[in-house]
């Protein structure tokens, strides 16, 4: 005999999560992380170039606290994807696509920092927290943050 009523619903076995949706979420997250690296690298290259400093793999590795090899691999990928200009023994450059990505990343960072400051977060913490938030916040949330921050 099957139990009836509200207690039956409470005691019913839970459905297992759909594997496809779980796999899709993980795939989307991996894609986000690739995009996050592209944004960070383009932003750093732009900062170096804009300050009159040659953008070199060693400087980027030092800035991120990563090995030269790790940075070289990411730079090669970003060059293949059309963001960075990388030639042997020459300083790095940005393509127009890389410049646009760097500008977008800077703008997002600025909005997130302004929002965090508007809600009372100190500057140092706001800068640190913005580094992660800026990559994962949706455009709708970013617009709302900008409204709150008065930007």
Protein backbone atom coordinates (compact mmCIF):
# COMPACT_ATOMS: atom_id res chain seq x y z
CA UNK A 1 0.00 0.00 0.00
CA UNK A 2 1.37 3.43 -0.98
CA UNK A 3 1.42 6.20 1.61
CA UNK A 4 -0.82 9.14 0.75
CA UNK A 5 -0.87 12.82 1.62
CA UNK A 6 1.82 15.34 2.51
CA UNK A 7 4.02 12.91 4.42
CA UNK A 8 4.26 10.73 1.32
CA UNK A 9 5.77 13.63 -0.61
CA UNK A 10 8.26 14.31 2.20
CA UNK A 11 9.31 10.67 2.35
CA UNK A 12 9.51 10.14 -1.41
CA UNK A 13 13.01 9.45 -2.67
CA UNK A 14 14.80 12.48 -4.07
CA UNK A 15 15.47 12.51 -7.78
CA UNK A 16 19.12 12.33 -8.73
CA UNK A 17 20.37 15.48 -10.42
CA UNK A 18 20.43 15.31 -14.19
CA UNK A 19 23.92 14.43 -15.34
CA UNK A 20 23.57 16.49 -18.48
CA UNK A 21 22.71 19.65 -16.58
CA UNK A 22 25.53 19.00 -14.11
CA UNK A 23 27.98 18.43 -16.96
CA UNK A 24 26.70 21.54 -18.71
CA UNK A 25 27.20 23.61 -15.56
CA UNK A 26 30.77 22.35 -15.18
CA UNK A 27 31.47 22.95 -18.86
CA UNK A 28 30.15 26.52 -18.52
CA UNK A 29 32.29 27.05 -15.41
CA UNK A 30 35.44 25.84 -17.22
CA UNK A 31 34.62 28.21 -20.08
CA UNK A 32 34.19 31.05 -17.55
CA UNK A 33 37.61 30.29 -16.08
CA UNK A 34 39.20 30.42 -19.54
CA UNK A 35 37.49 33.76 -20.14
CA UNK A 36 38.61 34.95 -16.70
CA UNK A 37 42.24 34.22 -17.58
CA UNK A 38 41.90 36.02 -20.92
CA UNK A 39 40.45 39.08 -19.17
CA UNK A 40 43.14 39.12 -16.48
CA UNK A 41 46.02 38.66 -18.91
CA UNK A 42 44.75 41.27 -21.36
CA UNK A 43 44.15 43.68 -18.50
CA UNK A 44 47.71 43.25 -17.18
CA UNK A 45 49.26 43.58 -20.64
CA UNK A 46 47.23 46.76 -21.22
CA UNK A 47 48.29 48.18 -17.82
CA UNK A 48 51.95 47.51 -18.58
CA UNK A 49 51.76 48.99 -22.08
CA UNK A 50 49.78 52.02 -20.90
CA UNK A 51 52.41 52.73 -18.24
CA UNK A 52 55.22 52.55 -20.80
CA UNK A 53 56.60 49.23 -19.55
CA UNK A 54 57.31 46.34 -21.92
CA UNK A 55 54.86 43.50 -21.44
CA UNK A 56 56.99 40.40 -20.96
CA UNK A 57 56.06 36.91 -19.81
CA UNK A 58 58.37 37.23 -16.80
CA UNK A 59 56.64 40.40 -15.60
CA UNK A 60 53.22 38.81 -15.95
CA UNK A 61 54.41 35.69 -14.12
CA UNK A 62 55.71 37.87 -11.29
CA UNK A 63 52.46 39.88 -11.15
CA UNK A 64 50.31 36.74 -10.93
CA UNK A 65 52.71 34.69 -8.82
CA UNK A 66 52.84 31.99 -11.48
CA UNK A 67 55.67 30.17 -13.22
CA UNK A 68 57.11 31.41 -16.50
CA UNK A 69 55.98 28.15 -18.14
CA UNK A 70 52.36 28.56 -16.98
CA UNK A 71 52.18 32.14 -18.24
CA UNK A 72 53.83 31.16 -21.54
CA UNK A 73 51.16 28.51 -22.14
CA UNK A 74 48.31 30.93 -21.47
CA UNK A 75 49.93 33.62 -23.63
CA UNK A 76 50.27 31.14 -26.52
CA UNK A 77 46.58 30.22 -26.17
CA UNK A 78 45.53 33.86 -26.08
CA UNK A 79 47.68 34.57 -29.14
CA UNK A 80 45.97 31.70 -31.01
CA UNK A 81 42.58 33.09 -29.95
CA UNK A 82 43.46 36.54 -31.28
CA UNK A 83 43.86 38.54 -28.06
CA UNK A 84 47.62 38.89 -27.66
CA UNK A 85 50.43 39.53 -30.15
CA UNK A 86 53.32 37.27 -29.15
CA UNK A 87 56.50 37.01 -31.17
CA UNK A 88 59.72 35.28 -30.12
CA UNK A 89 61.95 37.46 -27.93
CA UNK A 90 59.70 40.49 -28.40
CA UNK A 91 57.46 42.28 -25.92
CA UNK A 92 53.83 41.24 -25.93
CA UNK A 93 51.16 43.37 -27.52
CA UNK A 94 47.39 43.39 -27.70
CA UNK A 95 45.21 42.98 -30.74
CA UNK A 96 42.16 45.24 -31.03
CA UNK A 97 40.16 42.32 -29.64
CA UNK A 98 42.55 42.07 -26.67
CA UNK A 99 42.36 45.84 -26.08
CA UNK A 100 38.56 45.68 -26.06
CA UNK A 101 38.59 42.78 -23.60
CA UNK A 102 41.01 44.64 -21.32
CA UNK A 103 38.82 47.77 -21.40
CA UNK A 104 35.73 45.71 -20.59
CA UNK A 105 37.53 44.00 -17.69
CA UNK A 106 38.69 47.35 -16.28
CA UNK A 107 35.17 48.77 -16.50
CA UNK A 108 33.64 45.74 -14.77
CA UNK A 109 36.29 45.95 -12.05
CA UNK A 110 35.56 49.64 -11.53
CA UNK A 111 31.82 49.05 -11.16
CA UNK A 112 32.30 46.20 -8.69
CA UNK A 113 34.77 48.21 -6.59
CA UNK A 114 32.45 51.26 -6.59
CA UNK A 115 29.52 49.08 -5.52
CA UNK A 116 31.47 47.44 -2.71
CA UNK A 117 32.71 50.84 -1.52
CA UNK A 118 29.12 52.20 -1.66
CA UNK A 119 27.95 49.47 0.72
CA UNK A 120 30.75 50.19 3.18
CA UNK A 121 33.57 47.81 2.20
CA UNK A 122 37.04 49.28 2.73
CA UNK A 123 39.17 50.03 -0.37
CA UNK A 124 41.70 47.23 0.12
CA UNK A 125 39.03 44.56 0.60
CA UNK A 126 36.92 45.95 -2.25
CA UNK A 127 39.87 45.75 -4.63
CA UNK A 128 40.67 42.16 -3.58
CA UNK A 129 37.06 40.96 -3.71
CA UNK A 130 36.42 42.64 -7.05
CA UNK A 131 39.09 40.43 -8.65
CA UNK A 132 36.84 37.40 -8.34
CA UNK A 133 33.40 38.97 -8.52
CA UNK A 134 34.03 40.92 -11.72
CA UNK A 135 34.39 37.72 -13.74
CA UNK A 136 31.27 35.97 -12.55
CA UNK A 137 28.66 38.69 -12.18
CA UNK A 138 25.94 38.80 -14.81
CA UNK A 139 25.35 41.91 -16.93
CA UNK A 140 22.02 42.49 -15.17
CA UNK A 141 23.65 42.34 -11.74
CA UNK A 142 26.49 44.57 -12.92
CA UNK A 143 23.94 47.18 -14.09
CA UNK A 144 22.23 47.02 -10.69
CA UNK A 145 25.58 47.42 -8.93
CA UNK A 146 26.33 50.46 -11.09
CA UNK A 147 22.97 52.01 -10.15
CA UNK A 148 23.63 51.50 -6.43
CA UNK A 149 27.16 52.88 -6.79
CA UNK A 150 25.85 55.90 -8.71
CA UNK A 151 27.93 55.15 -11.82
